[in-house]
Amino acid sequence: MDYKDTLNLPSTQFAMKANLPKREPDQLKEWEEKQVYDKIKTQSKDKPSFILHDGPPYANGHLHIGHAINKILKDIIVRSKQMTGYRSHYVPGWDCHGLPIEHNVDKKLGSKKKEMTPVQVRQACRNYAKSFVDIQRDEFKRFGVSGEWNTPYLTMNNEYEARIAKECGEFALQGDMFLGKKPIYWCCSCQTALAEAEIEYHDHTSPSIYVKFLVKDDLTQQIPDCAGQPVSIVIWTTTPWTLPANLGIALHPDFVYAAVKTPEHGILILAKDLVEQALSEMDITGYSIISEIDSADLEKKTCAHPFYNRDSIIMLGDHVTLEAGTGCVHTAPGHGVDDHIIGKRYGLDCYSPVEDNGVFSDTVEKFGGQFIFKANTSIIDTLETESALLKSEQMSHSYPHCWRCKNPVIYRATPQWFISMDKMGLRKNSLEQIKKVEWIPSWGQERIYSMIEHRPDWCLSRQRSWGVPIPVFHCKSCKHVHVSRESVDKIYDLFKIHSSDIWFDKDAEFLMPEGSVCENCNGTEFEKDHNILDVWFDSGVSHAAVLEESPDLDRPADLYLEGSDQHRGWFHSSLLTSVGRTGSAPYKAV
């Protein structure tokens, strides 16, 4: 018997075999040919809008599962909003400038790059980014995501680059943007400044050393039994390469310090609460505490630098902790944020004798020309020769690395452009705006609030070629920074027509408004700034370049949707640029 005939089966036109690898491209092709997205857009034109603003992926490499999660979640939201009575347009975008693209193009060009003009190199970067926009666009379509794929926003489009420059210029005109020398993350391999969002933390092995700084002033009042004996303050550091830039030692104003008599090293001063732990790590035994000292009694006393003929001043700062070390912090104002702050308070120079490629300047005695990490060994040997080294060993710890080349980074003071977090109230206003946004899940609010609350000034400048230039000029005579309403507007108009390549192709005289005069010295000759903008600024101003510029969109967006890493990335930069320019957040929900 044919038992099939005994079953009451449904009748269907569906094939027995799904055959999705063949059917899926056919289905997508059919949607495209029938212009389904455009028809939905036309039908919903009079409905209330719901705007999900797309965070731009980077135009480099093929898509992965993270991209799929991102775009498919967005597609679900856009389609569901369309189906429930909203006009919900989806405008995808791409982040097109930056170091990774420039690096890949450099590798591709090789020695040929030396014969090319800056504009030709930038054109190669532009073509590279465009090729991956096309690749990724096709791959996104294969996810089944519908949107305006023929008219996406690209941060390298002329109009977008013009808006980036305009937004930057407006910050300068408002007084939020300033040129300053302060320590920032610096990648010696990529030879550029890095933003907080471009830092990753990985395990790293560093030398851990305890060093004596001989006190030059008389301390018999503080330590009655010290006559005739050398007295030294002890510091601990895992960055010996910063010792050539040492200008001071920081103590905490509220800590009690102890004078410890030792058999071999004279009298050592360190925080009383760390004596037992630190001396154990230094393998020092047979010691005794002979005096307790108020840190205020040591303020502005001087020590001798362990291997240079210069002084190191004792300062008081709240950043000193008892978590590790000695409670006495070696201070190099050009190589640390806290060091810079306390050094500025005590009138110290922001000294940073390290070149862009990470080698000591030729003027650095004993170590000039050496790569800083390799110089650690030479510095430790010198400390031993000078009888200033108490202990040296290797330790593994979490250390900041560059997000692209994966090499360790350093803090290095160089002249950079910053947006001030406090001068015009950007931090305060941003924190107020955070509370008005719906954060999903709710812990997102606490996460970004804490980041904004504690972040330093935003370092805007990068020392590369492929990006939007910082649109300011410098007077040739007095070096005064020149930016005006007329210059900002002219750059905006030029970039819209020619792209930002024109900045690299023309001189300052062509780029500036006719008759420009330096307001400081009445000079009439200027030169262009040679920095480009942080790519987080590029994508961060998409609320202006996309939402404000498009007739189908509006600011603020109803929703920004990305991974939680964007609390320190795109959510963060979008918030700061929007609040700084408009006073309000660029999104209602995140």
Protein backbone atom coordinates (compact mmCIF):
# COMPACT_ATOMS: atom_id res chain seq x y z
CA MET A 1 0.00 0.00 0.00
CA ASP A 2 1.16 3.58 -0.69
CA TYR A 3 0.69 4.98 2.80
CA LYS A 4 1.13 8.50 1.47
CA ASP A 5 -2.39 8.32 0.08
CA THR A 6 -3.76 7.55 3.55
CA LEU A 7 -2.51 10.89 4.99
CA ASN A 8 -4.53 14.10 4.88
CA LEU A 9 -1.71 16.56 3.99
CA PRO A 10 -2.04 20.32 3.38
CA SER A 11 -1.76 21.58 -0.14
CA THR A 12 0.96 24.27 -0.56
CA GLN A 13 2.96 26.01 -3.27
CA PHE A 14 6.03 26.18 -0.99
CA ALA A 15 8.88 24.04 -2.24
CA MET A 16 9.83 20.99 -0.19
CA LYS A 17 13.39 22.29 -0.04
CA ALA A 18 14.04 25.80 1.32
CA ASN A 19 17.11 26.31 -0.92
CA LEU A 20 17.90 29.58 0.86
CA PRO A 21 21.37 30.19 -0.64
CA LYS A 22 19.65 30.62 -4.01
CA ARG A 23 16.30 32.06 -2.90
CA GLU A 24 17.68 34.78 -0.59
CA PRO A 25 19.58 36.75 -3.29
CA ASP A 26 16.57 36.41 -5.60
CA GLN A 27 14.28 37.77 -2.88
CA LEU A 28 16.59 40.75 -2.23
CA LYS A 29 16.83 41.42 -5.96
CA GLU A 30 13.04 41.38 -6.25
CA TRP A 31 12.67 43.90 -3.39
CA GLU A 32 15.20 46.15 -5.11
CA GLU A 33 13.59 45.89 -8.55
CA LYS A 34 10.15 46.64 -7.09
CA GLN A 35 11.64 49.56 -5.12
CA VAL A 36 9.84 48.37 -1.98
CA TYR A 37 11.72 50.78 0.34
CA ASP A 38 10.93 53.80 -1.86
CA LYS A 39 7.25 52.84 -2.03
CA ILE A 40 7.04 52.57 1.77
CA LYS A 41 8.79 55.94 2.03
CA THR A 42 6.24 57.53 -0.34
CA GLN A 43 3.26 56.00 1.46
CA SER A 44 4.44 57.21 4.87
CA LYS A 45 5.41 60.77 3.88
CA ASP A 46 2.58 62.42 5.88
CA LYS A 47 2.98 60.27 9.01
CA PRO A 48 4.79 61.34 12.22
CA SER A 49 8.49 60.61 12.01
CA PHE A 50 10.67 58.22 14.01
CA ILE A 51 14.38 58.75 13.38
CA LEU A 52 16.92 56.06 14.14
CA HIS A 53 20.27 57.67 13.33
CA ASP A 54 22.91 55.24 12.06
CA GLY A 55 26.31 55.24 13.73
CA PRO A 56 28.83 54.97 10.87
CA PRO A 57 30.92 51.79 10.65
CA TYR A 58 34.52 52.21 9.54
CA ALA A 59 35.14 51.80 5.79
CA ASN A 60 37.88 49.21 6.17
CA GLY A 61 37.67 45.42 5.91
CA HIS A 62 34.80 43.01 5.44
CA LEU A 63 31.77 42.76 7.71
CA HIS A 64 31.58 40.39 10.69
CA ILE A 65 28.92 39.10 13.09
CA GLY A 66 29.04 42.34 15.11
CA HIS A 67 28.01 44.32 12.04
CA ALA A 68 25.16 41.86 11.44
CA ILE A 69 23.82 42.23 15.00
CA ASN A 70 24.05 46.00 14.72
CA LYS A 71 22.33 46.46 11.37
CA ILE A 72 19.67 43.79 11.81
CA LEU A 73 18.59 45.23 15.18
CA LYS A 74 18.27 48.63 13.50
CA ASP A 75 16.30 47.11 10.62
CA ILE A 76 13.86 45.45 13.03
CA ILE A 77 13.23 48.79 14.74
CA VAL A 78 12.85 50.78 11.51
CA ARG A 79 10.48 48.25 9.92
CA SER A 80 8.39 47.87 13.09
CA LYS A 81 8.03 51.65 13.37
CA GLN A 82 6.98 51.89 9.71
CA MET A 83 4.39 49.14 10.30
CA THR A 84 2.96 50.90 13.36
CA GLY A 85 2.25 54.20 11.63
CA TYR A 86 5.50 56.16 11.52
CA ARG A 87 7.59 57.66 8.74
CA SER A 88 10.91 55.97 9.55
CA HIS A 89 13.69 56.61 7.05
CA TYR A 90 16.96 54.75 7.43
CA VAL A 91 20.04 56.59 6.15
CA PRO A 92 23.15 54.43 6.53
CA GLY A 93 26.58 56.05 6.81
CA TRP A 94 30.31 55.35 6.80
CA ASP A 95 33.27 56.74 8.73
CA CYS A 96 35.92 57.26 6.05
CA HIS A 97 38.92 59.17 7.45
CA GLY A 98 41.62 58.11 9.87
CA LEU A 99 44.77 56.24 10.63
CA PRO A 100 43.82 52.62 9.72
CA ILE A 101 42.97 53.60 6.13
CA GLU A 102 46.09 55.77 5.85
CA HIS A 103 48.25 52.93 7.17
CA ASN A 104 46.87 50.44 4.67
CA VAL A 105 47.34 52.89 1.81
CA ASP A 106 50.92 53.60 2.97
CA LYS A 107 51.67 49.88 2.87
CA LYS A 108 50.14 49.61 -0.59
CA LEU A 109 52.05 52.60 -1.97
CA GLY A 110 55.41 51.71 -0.41
CA SER A 111 58.30 53.86 -1.64
CA LYS A 112 56.06 55.35 -4.34
CA LYS A 113 54.49 57.57 -1.66
CA LYS A 114 57.66 59.72 -1.50
CA GLU A 115 57.05 60.89 -5.08
CA MET A 116 53.38 61.79 -4.46
CA THR A 117 51.89 65.09 -3.33
CA PRO A 118 49.76 65.18 -0.14
CA VAL A 119 46.63 65.53 -2.29
CA GLN A 120 47.58 62.45 -4.34
CA VAL A 121 48.08 60.43 -1.15
CA ARG A 122 44.73 61.64 0.14
CA GLN A 123 43.11 60.67 -3.17
CA ALA A 124 44.52 57.15 -2.75
CA CYS A 125 43.00 57.06 0.75
CA ARG A 126 39.69 58.32 -0.63
CA ASN A 127 39.65 55.59 -3.31
CA TYR A 128 40.53 52.93 -0.73
CA ALA A 129 37.66 54.04 1.55
CA LYS A 130 35.25 54.18 -1.40
CA SER A 131 36.14 50.62 -2.42
CA PHE A 132 35.26 49.33 1.05
CA VAL A 133 32.08 51.38 1.21
CA ASP A 134 30.99 49.55 -1.97
CA ILE A 135 32.03 46.17 -0.57
CA GLN A 136 30.33 46.71 2.77
CA ARG A 137 27.20 48.16 1.16
CA ASP A 138 26.70 44.92 -0.82
CA GLU A 139 27.38 42.86 2.31
CA PHE A 140 24.88 44.92 4.34
CA LYS A 141 22.27 44.38 1.66
CA ARG A 142 22.82 40.62 1.99
CA PHE A 143 21.72 40.98 5.64
CA GLY A 144 18.31 41.95 4.23
CA VAL A 145 18.55 45.46 5.66
CA SER A 146 16.49 48.06 3.81
CA GLY A 147 17.50 51.70 3.62
CA GLU A 148 18.78 54.48 1.42
CA TRP A 149 21.78 52.52 0.13
CA ASN A 150 22.14 54.67 -2.99
CA THR A 151 22.48 57.90 -0.99
CA PRO A 152 24.30 57.05 2.26
CA TYR A 153 26.24 59.66 4.21
CA LEU A 154 30.04 59.44 4.00
CA THR A 155 32.26 61.53 6.26
CA MET A 156 34.53 62.11 3.24
CA ASN A 157 31.79 63.64 1.06
CA ASN A 158 32.43 67.31 0.25
CA GLU A 159 29.35 68.57 2.09
CA TYR A 160 30.12 66.45 5.15
CA GLU A 161 33.77 67.56 5.28
CA ALA A 162 32.63 71.17 4.98
CA ARG A 163 30.27 70.72 7.94
CA ILE A 164 33.02 69.07 10.03
CA ALA A 165 35.27 72.09 9.41
CA LYS A 166 32.40 74.48 10.16
CA GLU A 167 31.53 72.81 13.47
CA CYS A 168 35.21 72.88 14.48
CA GLY A 169 35.44 76.55 13.48
CA GLU A 170 32.35 77.38 15.52
CA PHE A 171 33.94 75.81 18.63
CA ALA A 172 36.99 78.01 18.01
CA LEU A 173 34.83 81.14 17.64
CA GLN A 174 32.91 80.32 20.84
CA GLY A 175 36.15 80.13 22.80
CA ASP A 176 35.86 76.40 23.63
CA MET A 177 38.85 75.38 21.46
CA PHE A 178 42.41 76.23 22.46
CA LEU A 179 45.98 75.40 21.55
CA GLY A 180 47.87 74.06 24.55
CA LYS A 181 50.82 71.94 25.57
CA LYS A 182 49.81 69.20 27.93
CA PRO A 183 50.42 65.45 28.17
CA ILE A 184 48.21 63.33 25.95
CA TYR A 185 48.31 59.71 24.81
CA TRP A 186 50.90 59.40 22.07
CA CYS A 187 51.63 56.40 19.83
CA CYS A 188 55.31 56.34 18.87
CA SER A 189 54.65 53.79 16.10
CA CYS A 190 51.81 55.72 14.43
CA GLN A 191 53.42 59.04 15.46
CA THR A 192 50.16 60.70 16.40
CA ALA A 193 48.09 61.77 19.38
CA LEU A 194 45.34 59.38 20.45
CA ALA A 195 41.95 59.91 22.07
CA GLU A 196 40.72 58.04 25.14
CA ALA A 197 38.46 55.98 22.87
CA GLU A 198 41.51 54.86 20.85
CA ILE A 199 43.19 53.24 23.86
CA GLU A 200 43.06 49.54 24.74
CA TYR A 201 44.51 47.96 27.87
CA HIS A 202 46.69 44.86 27.66
CA ASP A 203 49.19 43.19 29.97
CA HIS A 204 52.67 44.67 29.66
CA THR A 205 55.95 43.95 31.43
CA SER A 206 57.74 47.01 32.80
CA PRO A 207 60.73 47.60 35.08
CA SER A 208 59.64 48.34 38.66
CA ILE A 209 62.25 50.46 40.43
CA TYR A 210 62.76 52.22 43.76
CA VAL A 211 65.02 55.29 43.52
CA LYS A 212 66.65 57.64 46.05
CA PHE A 213 66.48 61.43 45.61
CA LEU A 214 69.03 63.00 47.96
CA VAL A 215 67.53 65.92 49.94
CA LYS A 216 69.68 69.06 49.58
CA ASP A 217 68.05 71.18 52.32
CA ASP A 218 68.81 70.93 56.03
CA LEU A 219 66.23 68.69 57.74
CA THR A 220 67.63 68.69 61.28
CA GLN A 221 64.47 70.39 62.56
CA GLN A 222 62.26 67.66 61.07
CA ILE A 223 64.71 64.81 61.81
CA PRO A 224 66.78 65.71 64.90
CA ASP A 225 69.08 62.66 64.60
CA CYS A 226 69.97 63.11 60.92
CA ALA A 227 73.12 65.22 61.31
CA GLY A 228 76.00 63.92 59.20
CA GLN A 229 73.85 61.32 57.43
CA PRO A 230 72.47 61.43 53.87
CA VAL A 231 68.69 61.88 53.78
CA SER A 232 66.80 60.73 50.68
CA ILE A 233 63.21 60.68 49.53
CA VAL A 234 62.30 57.34 47.94
CA ILE A 235 60.13 57.14 44.82
CA TRP A 236 58.76 54.10 42.98
CA THR A 237 58.08 54.03 39.26
CA THR A 238 57.35 51.59 36.42
CA THR A 239 58.47 54.12 33.78
CA PRO A 240 62.22 54.67 34.29
CA TRP A 241 62.35 56.39 30.87
CA THR A 242 60.47 59.38 32.36
CA LEU A 243 63.22 60.05 34.95
CA PRO A 244 65.25 62.30 32.58
CA ALA A 245 62.17 64.59 32.59
CA ASN A 246 61.76 64.55 36.40
CA LEU A 247 61.34 68.02 37.90
CA GLY A 248 59.67 67.21 41.21
CA ILE A 249 58.37 64.78 43.82
CA ALA A 250 54.76 64.85 45.04
CA LEU A 251 53.67 64.03 48.61
CA HIS A 252 50.11 63.96 49.93
CA PRO A 253 49.20 66.93 52.15
CA ASP A 254 47.41 64.68 54.69
CA PHE A 255 49.85 61.77 54.95
CA VAL A 256 52.36 61.35 57.75
CA TYR A 257 55.86 60.57 56.48
CA ALA A 258 58.53 58.61 58.29
CA ALA A 259 62.30 59.05 58.43
CA VAL A 260 63.71 55.52 58.38
CA LYS A 261 67.31 54.83 59.40
CA THR A 262 68.83 51.99 57.36
CA PRO A 263 72.16 50.18 57.64
CA GLU A 264 73.35 50.83 54.05
CA HIS A 265 71.32 53.66 52.53
CA GLY A 266 71.32 56.38 55.16
CA ILE A 267 67.95 57.88 56.12
CA LEU A 268 65.03 57.24 53.77
CA ILE A 269 61.78 59.23 53.77
CA LEU A 270 58.51 57.62 52.68
CA ALA A 271 54.87 57.45 53.82
CA LYS A 272 54.66 55.96 57.31
CA ASP A 273 51.84 53.57 56.33
CA LEU A 274 53.97 52.07 53.52
CA VAL A 275 57.27 51.63 55.40
CA GLU A 276 56.92 47.93 56.18
CA GLN A 277 55.62 46.95 52.71
CA ALA A 278 58.06 49.09 50.70
CA LEU A 279 61.21 48.20 52.65
CA SER A 280 60.29 44.53 52.44
CA GLU A 281 60.04 44.87 48.62
CA MET A 282 63.43 46.65 48.62
CA ASP A 283 64.95 43.80 50.70
CA ILE A 284 66.00 46.29 53.40
CA THR A 285 66.19 44.90 56.95
CA GLY A 286 67.51 46.16 60.26
CA TYR A 287 65.84 49.54 59.85
CA SER A 288 64.16 51.78 62.43
CA ILE A 289 61.81 54.76 62.25
CA ILE A 290 63.60 57.68 63.91
CA SER A 291 61.13 60.46 63.20
CA GLU A 292 57.64 61.24 61.89
CA ILE A 293 57.23 64.25 59.59
CA ASP A 294 54.26 66.34 58.51
CA SER A 295 54.33 66.58 54.71
CA ALA A 296 53.79 70.37 54.95
CA ASP A 297 57.24 70.61 56.57
CA LEU A 298 58.80 69.15 53.42
CA GLU A 299 56.94 71.30 50.89
CA LYS A 300 59.24 73.25 48.53
CA LYS A 301 62.36 71.59 49.90
CA THR A 302 64.69 70.50 47.09
CA CYS A 303 66.27 67.19 46.19
CA ALA A 304 69.10 66.48 43.79
CA HIS A 305 68.11 64.74 40.56
CA PRO A 306 69.70 61.26 40.74
CA PHE A 307 71.85 61.66 37.60
CA TYR A 308 71.54 65.27 36.39
CA ASN A 309 72.86 68.47 37.90
CA ARG A 310 69.45 69.99 38.62
CA ASP A 311 66.94 70.24 41.45
CA SER A 312 63.74 68.31 42.02
CA ILE A 313 61.21 70.24 44.11
CA ILE A 314 58.95 68.63 46.75
CA MET A 315 55.26 69.42 46.17
CA LEU A 316 51.93 68.51 47.79
CA GLY A 317 49.14 66.93 45.75
CA ASP A 318 45.90 65.05 46.43
CA HIS A 319 46.55 62.55 43.61
CA VAL A 320 49.17 60.69 45.72
CA THR A 321 47.84 57.39 47.11
CA LEU A 322 48.89 54.61 49.49
CA GLU A 323 47.91 51.83 47.08
CA ALA A 324 51.49 51.02 46.06
CA GLY A 325 55.00 52.44 46.11
CA THR A 326 56.18 54.87 48.79
CA GLY A 327 53.65 57.71 48.94
CA CYS A 328 56.28 59.90 47.22
CA VAL A 329 55.52 60.27 43.51
CA HIS A 330 58.20 61.01 40.90
CA THR A 331 56.81 63.90 38.85
CA ALA A 332 57.56 64.63 35.18
CA PRO A 333 55.08 67.37 34.13
CA GLY A 334 55.49 66.52 30.43
CA HIS A 335 54.62 62.84 30.88
CA GLY A 336 51.52 62.57 33.04
CA VAL A 337 48.18 64.28 33.56
CA ASP A 338 48.47 64.59 37.36
CA ASP A 339 52.14 65.50 36.96
CA HIS A 340 51.17 68.30 34.57
CA ILE A 341 48.48 69.68 36.88
CA ILE A 342 50.66 69.78 40.00
CA GLY A 343 53.68 70.98 38.00
CA LYS A 344 51.65 73.88 36.64
CA ARG A 345 50.57 74.80 40.17
CA TYR A 346 54.20 74.95 41.30
CA GLY A 347 55.43 76.77 38.20
CA LEU A 348 57.33 73.86 36.62
CA ASP A 349 58.05 73.61 32.91
CA CYS A 350 56.01 71.09 30.88
CA TYR A 351 59.26 69.36 29.89
CA SER A 352 58.96 66.47 27.42
CA PRO A 353 62.28 65.67 25.70
CA VAL A 354 60.90 62.86 23.49
CA GLU A 355 60.57 63.09 19.68
CA ASP A 356 57.54 61.95 17.65
CA ASN A 357 59.10 58.52 16.99
CA GLY A 358 59.70 57.85 20.69
CA VAL A 359 63.43 58.57 20.89
CA PHE A 360 65.02 60.99 23.34
CA SER A 361 65.95 64.36 21.86
CA ASP A 362 69.63 64.85 21.09
CA THR A 363 69.78 67.40 23.92
CA VAL A 364 69.05 64.71 26.53
CA GLU A 365 72.32 64.07 28.32
CA LYS A 366 73.45 60.41 28.45
CA PHE A 367 70.40 59.04 26.56
CA GLY A 368 69.92 61.26 23.47
CA GLY A 369 68.85 59.29 20.38
CA GLN A 370 67.80 56.18 22.33
CA PHE A 371 64.28 54.76 21.99
CA ILE A 372 62.60 55.38 25.33
CA PHE A 373 61.60 51.80 26.22
CA LYS A 374 65.05 50.49 25.25
CA ALA A 375 66.61 53.31 27.29
CA ASN A 376 65.06 51.86 30.47
CA THR A 377 68.05 49.53 30.81
CA SER A 378 70.58 52.36 30.37
CA ILE A 379 68.73 54.52 32.88
CA ILE A 380 68.63 51.74 35.48
CA ASP A 381 72.38 51.12 34.95
CA THR A 382 73.05 54.85 35.43
CA LEU A 383 71.01 54.88 38.65
CA GLU A 384 73.07 51.95 39.92
CA THR A 385 76.32 53.70 39.02
CA GLU A 386 75.14 56.82 40.90
CA SER A 387 74.19 54.66 43.94
CA ALA A 388 70.59 55.89 43.62
CA LEU A 389 68.94 52.55 42.82
CA LEU A 390 67.40 50.70 45.76
CA LYS A 391 65.63 47.89 43.87
CA SER A 392 64.86 46.86 40.29
CA GLU A 393 62.67 44.01 39.07
CA GLN A 394 60.20 43.27 36.26
CA MET A 395 56.45 43.45 36.82
CA SER A 396 53.46 42.63 34.64
CA HIS A 397 50.56 45.08 34.75
CA SER A 398 47.70 46.48 32.65
CA TYR A 399 49.07 49.16 30.34
CA PRO A 400 47.53 51.40 27.61
CA HIS A 401 48.09 50.31 23.99
CA CYS A 402 47.21 51.83 20.61
CA TRP A 403 43.94 50.48 19.20
CA ARG A 404 45.45 50.04 15.74
CA CYS A 405 49.11 49.03 15.91
CA LYS A 406 48.63 47.36 19.35
CA ASN A 407 51.91 48.85 20.63
CA PRO A 408 52.28 50.45 24.08
CA VAL A 409 51.59 54.18 24.14
CA ILE A 410 53.03 56.93 26.31
CA TYR A 411 51.96 60.21 27.83
CA ARG A 412 53.79 62.98 26.01
CA ALA A 413 53.32 66.74 26.10
CA THR A 414 53.15 68.31 22.65
CA PRO A 415 51.30 71.37 21.33
CA GLN A 416 47.80 70.13 20.53
CA TRP A 417 44.32 71.50 19.94
CA PHE A 418 41.82 70.86 22.73
CA ILE A 419 38.15 71.46 23.41
CA SER A 420 37.84 72.66 27.01
CA MET A 421 35.44 70.70 29.16
CA ASP A 422 34.99 73.51 31.67
CA LYS A 423 35.81 76.94 30.22
CA MET A 424 32.38 77.38 28.62
CA GLY A 425 30.55 74.85 30.82
CA LEU A 426 30.64 71.91 28.39
CA ARG A 427 31.03 69.28 31.14
CA LYS A 428 28.30 70.76 33.35
CA ASN A 429 25.85 71.15 30.47
CA SER A 430 26.56 67.65 29.13
CA LEU A 431 25.92 66.08 32.54
CA GLU A 432 22.59 67.91 32.73
CA GLN A 433 21.61 66.68 29.25
CA ILE A 434 22.50 63.06 30.07
CA LYS A 435 19.71 63.04 32.69
CA LYS A 436 17.13 64.06 30.05
CA VAL A 437 17.92 61.11 27.75
CA GLU A 438 16.38 57.63 28.05
CA TRP A 439 19.23 55.13 28.43
CA ILE A 440 18.50 51.51 27.52
CA PRO A 441 19.43 49.65 29.67
CA SER A 442 19.33 52.18 32.49
CA TRP A 443 22.94 51.56 33.61
CA GLY A 444 24.05 53.30 30.40
CA GLN A 445 23.29 56.64 32.06
CA GLU A 446 25.66 55.99 34.97
CA ARG A 447 28.34 54.71 32.60
CA ILE A 448 28.47 57.77 30.34
CA TYR A 449 27.82 60.18 33.24
CA SER A 450 30.93 58.92 35.02
CA MET A 451 32.99 59.16 31.84
CA ILE A 452 31.98 62.77 31.14
CA GLU A 453 32.35 63.73 34.81
CA HIS A 454 35.99 62.64 34.97
CA ARG A 455 37.27 63.06 31.41
CA PRO A 456 40.09 65.53 30.63
CA ASP A 457 39.86 68.21 27.94
CA TRP A 458 39.25 66.65 24.50
CA CYS A 459 42.44 66.45 22.44
CA LEU A 460 41.19 67.21 18.91
CA SER A 461 44.37 67.24 16.83
CA ARG A 462 46.10 64.40 15.00
CA GLN A 463 49.41 64.48 13.15
CA ARG A 464 48.41 62.63 9.98
CA SER A 465 47.29 63.35 6.39
CA TRP A 466 43.98 61.56 5.87
CA GLY A 467 41.39 63.63 7.64
CA VAL A 468 39.73 67.02 7.82
CA PRO A 469 42.21 69.79 8.68
CA ILE A 470 41.71 72.04 11.69
CA PRO A 471 40.60 75.21 9.86
CA VAL A 472 42.70 77.85 11.62
CA PHE A 473 45.68 79.98 10.65
CA HIS A 474 48.80 81.24 12.42
CA CYS A 475 50.31 84.69 12.01
CA LYS A 476 53.83 84.35 10.57
CA SER A 477 55.08 87.32 12.59
CA CYS A 478 53.80 86.63 16.12
CA LYS A 479 52.39 83.05 15.81
CA HIS A 480 48.99 84.28 17.05
CA VAL A 481 46.10 81.94 16.13
CA HIS A 482 43.74 83.55 13.63
CA VAL A 483 40.16 82.38 13.22
CA SER A 484 37.24 84.62 12.30
CA ARG A 485 33.61 84.38 11.17
CA GLU A 486 34.76 85.21 7.65
CA SER A 487 37.50 82.56 7.61
CA VAL A 488 35.18 79.83 8.97
CA ASP A 489 32.53 80.66 6.36
CA LYS A 490 35.04 80.78 3.49
CA ILE A 491 36.54 77.38 4.40
CA TYR A 492 33.01 75.94 4.59
CA ASP A 493 32.20 77.20 1.09
CA LEU A 494 35.54 76.02 -0.37
CA PHE A 495 35.28 72.52 1.13
CA LYS A 496 31.71 72.11 -0.18
CA ILE A 497 32.96 72.69 -3.72
CA HIS A 498 36.46 71.16 -3.65
CA SER A 499 36.51 68.87 -0.57
CA SER A 500 39.05 69.39 2.21
CA ASP A 501 41.82 68.42 -0.25
CA ILE A 502 41.99 72.09 -1.19
CA TRP A 503 43.54 72.85 2.22
CA PHE A 504 46.53 70.72 1.23
CA ASP A 505 46.64 72.03 -2.34
CA LYS A 506 46.48 75.81 -1.79
CA ASP A 507 48.41 78.24 0.39
CA ALA A 508 47.02 80.31 3.27
CA GLU A 509 46.67 83.42 1.13
CA PHE A 510 44.22 81.62 -1.20
CA LEU A 511 42.27 80.01 1.65
CA MET A 512 41.85 83.12 3.80
CA PRO A 513 39.38 85.96 3.29
CA GLU A 514 40.86 88.88 1.42
CA GLY A 515 42.32 91.58 3.64
CA SER A 516 42.77 89.36 6.74
CA VAL A 517 44.84 91.05 9.44
CA CYS A 518 46.30 89.58 12.64
CA GLU A 519 44.43 91.12 15.57
CA ASN A 520 47.54 90.79 17.74
CA CYS A 521 50.26 92.47 15.63
CA ASN A 522 48.45 93.66 12.45
CA GLY A 523 50.49 91.18 10.41
CA THR A 524 49.12 90.21 7.01
CA GLU A 525 51.04 86.97 6.32
CA PHE A 526 49.69 83.69 7.63
CA GLU A 527 50.35 79.96 7.48
CA LYS A 528 47.91 77.06 7.71
CA ASP A 529 47.61 74.81 10.73
CA HIS A 530 49.11 71.39 9.95
CA ASN A 531 46.92 69.16 12.15
CA ILE A 532 43.86 67.14 11.20
CA LEU A 533 40.85 66.42 13.40
CA ASP A 534 40.25 63.37 15.57
CA VAL A 535 37.96 61.03 13.59
CA TRP A 536 35.63 60.88 16.60
CA PHE A 537 34.88 64.53 15.89
CA ASP A 538 34.04 63.57 12.28
CA SER A 539 31.41 61.02 13.26
CA GLY A 540 30.43 62.99 16.36
CA VAL A 541 29.06 65.89 14.28
CA SER A 542 26.79 63.63 12.18
CA HIS A 543 23.83 65.13 14.06
CA ALA A 544 24.71 68.39 12.28
CA ALA A 545 26.01 67.04 8.96
CA VAL A 546 23.22 64.46 8.49
CA LEU A 547 20.21 65.07 10.74
CA GLU A 548 20.22 68.84 10.31
CA GLU A 549 21.15 68.90 6.62
CA SER A 550 18.67 66.27 5.36
CA PRO A 551 15.09 67.41 4.59
CA ASP A 552 13.79 63.95 5.62
CA LEU A 553 15.50 63.95 9.03
CA ASP A 554 15.61 66.15 12.09
CA ARG A 555 17.60 66.72 15.28
CA PRO A 556 17.42 65.31 17.92
CA ALA A 557 17.11 61.72 16.73
CA ASP A 558 14.60 59.47 18.48
CA LEU A 559 17.19 56.74 18.90
CA TYR A 560 20.92 56.01 18.69
CA LEU A 561 21.61 52.27 18.83
CA GLU A 562 25.15 50.86 19.07
CA GLY A 563 27.28 48.56 21.23
CA SER A 564 28.16 49.64 24.78
CA ASP A 565 31.72 50.46 23.67
CA GLN A 566 30.21 53.59 22.12
CA HIS A 567 29.54 55.13 25.55
CA ARG A 568 33.18 56.19 25.28
CA GLY A 569 33.02 56.53 21.49
CA TRP A 570 30.21 57.78 19.25
CA PHE A 571 27.58 58.39 21.98
CA HIS A 572 30.25 60.38 23.82
CA SER A 573 31.59 62.50 20.95
CA SER A 574 28.06 63.12 19.62
CA LEU A 575 26.93 64.37 23.02
CA LEU A 576 29.88 66.76 23.45
CA THR A 577 29.68 68.23 19.94
CA SER A 578 25.90 68.66 20.12
CA VAL A 579 25.80 70.15 23.62
CA GLY A 580 28.78 72.38 22.82
CA ARG A 581 27.08 73.80 19.74
CA THR A 582 23.33 73.62 20.47
CA GLY A 583 23.06 73.21 24.23
CA SER A 584 21.15 69.94 23.95
CA ALA A 585 21.76 66.22 23.38
CA PRO A 586 21.51 64.91 19.79
CA TYR A 587 19.32 61.96 20.83
CA LYS A 588 16.19 61.28 22.88
CA ALA A 589 17.08 57.66 23.64
CA VAL A 590 20.25 55.56 23.45
